[in-house]
């Protein structure tokens, strides 16, 4: 699954720089995660770094974007091929 940021976000700015895929950006009111770029840090880290640093626990898995570890890894490979 890709992750998502809920309305509980306090715009503290700590998650955006932690994302190795650049999937997090400021939205109109709260930060947002681009599900096409989110790999839950698969390929980079053992755990999602944004979840690790979030002080208000507002980054759950997106139930509308169910993805296996394998598909997240394939997405990671595709993203790193584009940029690397």
Protein backbone atom coordinates (compact mmCIF):
# COMPACT_ATOMS: atom_id res chain seq x y z
CA UNK A 1 0.00 0.00 0.00
CA UNK A 2 1.05 3.53 -0.52
CA UNK A 3 0.81 5.72 2.54
CA UNK A 4 -1.43 8.73 3.03
CA UNK A 5 -1.48 11.75 5.32
CA UNK A 6 -4.65 12.38 7.30
CA UNK A 7 -6.28 15.64 8.38
CA UNK A 8 -4.49 15.26 11.72
CA UNK A 9 -1.34 16.59 10.00
CA UNK A 10 0.06 19.67 11.79
CA UNK A 11 2.32 20.76 8.89
CA UNK A 12 5.45 20.34 10.98
CA UNK A 13 7.60 19.77 7.87
CA UNK A 14 9.53 16.77 9.22
CA UNK A 15 8.21 14.12 6.83
CA UNK A 16 8.96 15.75 3.47
CA UNK A 17 12.78 15.67 3.66
CA UNK A 18 12.73 12.08 4.95
CA UNK A 19 11.06 10.65 1.83
CA UNK A 20 13.70 9.05 -0.41
CA UNK A 21 11.32 9.07 -3.38
CA UNK A 22 10.21 12.69 -3.10
CA UNK A 23 6.61 11.51 -2.77
CA UNK A 24 5.68 14.01 -0.04
CA UNK A 25 4.86 17.61 -0.85
CA UNK A 26 2.90 20.49 0.67
CA UNK A 27 -0.77 20.42 -0.24
CA UNK A 28 -3.30 23.22 0.02
CA UNK A 29 -3.88 22.62 3.74
CA UNK A 30 -1.74 19.64 4.76
CA UNK A 31 1.10 17.64 3.30
CA UNK A 32 0.21 15.00 0.73
CA UNK A 33 1.78 11.78 -0.52
CA UNK A 34 1.83 10.94 -4.22
CA UNK A 35 0.76 7.28 -4.25
CA UNK A 36 2.51 6.75 -7.58
CA UNK A 37 5.85 7.59 -5.96
CA UNK A 38 5.33 6.11 -2.49
CA UNK A 39 7.00 2.74 -1.95
CA UNK A 40 6.69 2.81 1.86
CA UNK A 41 10.49 3.12 1.65
CA UNK A 42 10.77 -0.42 0.23
CA UNK A 43 14.14 -0.57 -1.48
CA UNK A 44 15.53 2.20 0.70
CA UNK A 45 14.74 1.38 4.36
CA UNK A 46 13.11 -1.33 6.46
CA UNK A 47 10.35 1.01 7.66
CA UNK A 48 8.63 4.08 6.21
CA UNK A 49 10.74 7.03 7.31
CA UNK A 50 7.86 9.52 7.30
CA UNK A 51 5.97 7.32 9.78
CA UNK A 52 9.09 7.11 11.97
CA UNK A 53 9.42 10.90 12.28
CA UNK A 54 5.75 11.96 12.35
CA UNK A 55 5.00 13.44 15.79
CA UNK A 56 1.21 13.06 15.51
CA UNK A 57 0.91 9.59 13.95
CA UNK A 58 -1.09 10.80 10.93
CA UNK A 59 0.45 8.64 8.18
CA UNK A 60 -1.45 5.34 7.82
CA UNK A 61 -1.55 2.97 4.87
CA UNK A 62 -3.90 4.11 2.13
CA UNK A 63 -6.73 1.54 1.92
CA UNK A 64 -7.42 2.64 -1.67
CA UNK A 65 -3.88 1.69 -2.77
CA UNK A 66 -3.38 -1.95 -1.73
CA UNK A 67 0.08 -3.06 -2.90
CA UNK A 68 2.26 -6.04 -2.00
CA UNK A 69 5.90 -5.73 -0.93
CA UNK A 70 6.79 -7.13 -4.35
CA UNK A 71 4.81 -4.47 -6.23
CA UNK A 72 6.26 -1.75 -4.00
CA UNK A 73 9.74 -3.04 -4.85
CA UNK A 74 8.89 -3.02 -8.57
CA UNK A 75 7.74 0.59 -8.19
CA UNK A 76 11.02 1.39 -6.40
CA UNK A 77 12.98 -0.14 -9.29
CA UNK A 78 11.00 1.85 -11.85
CA UNK A 79 11.49 5.10 -9.90
CA UNK A 80 15.21 4.60 -9.45
CA UNK A 81 15.66 3.72 -13.14
CA UNK A 82 14.10 7.08 -14.04
CA UNK A 83 16.30 9.07 -11.70
CA UNK A 84 19.42 6.95 -11.42
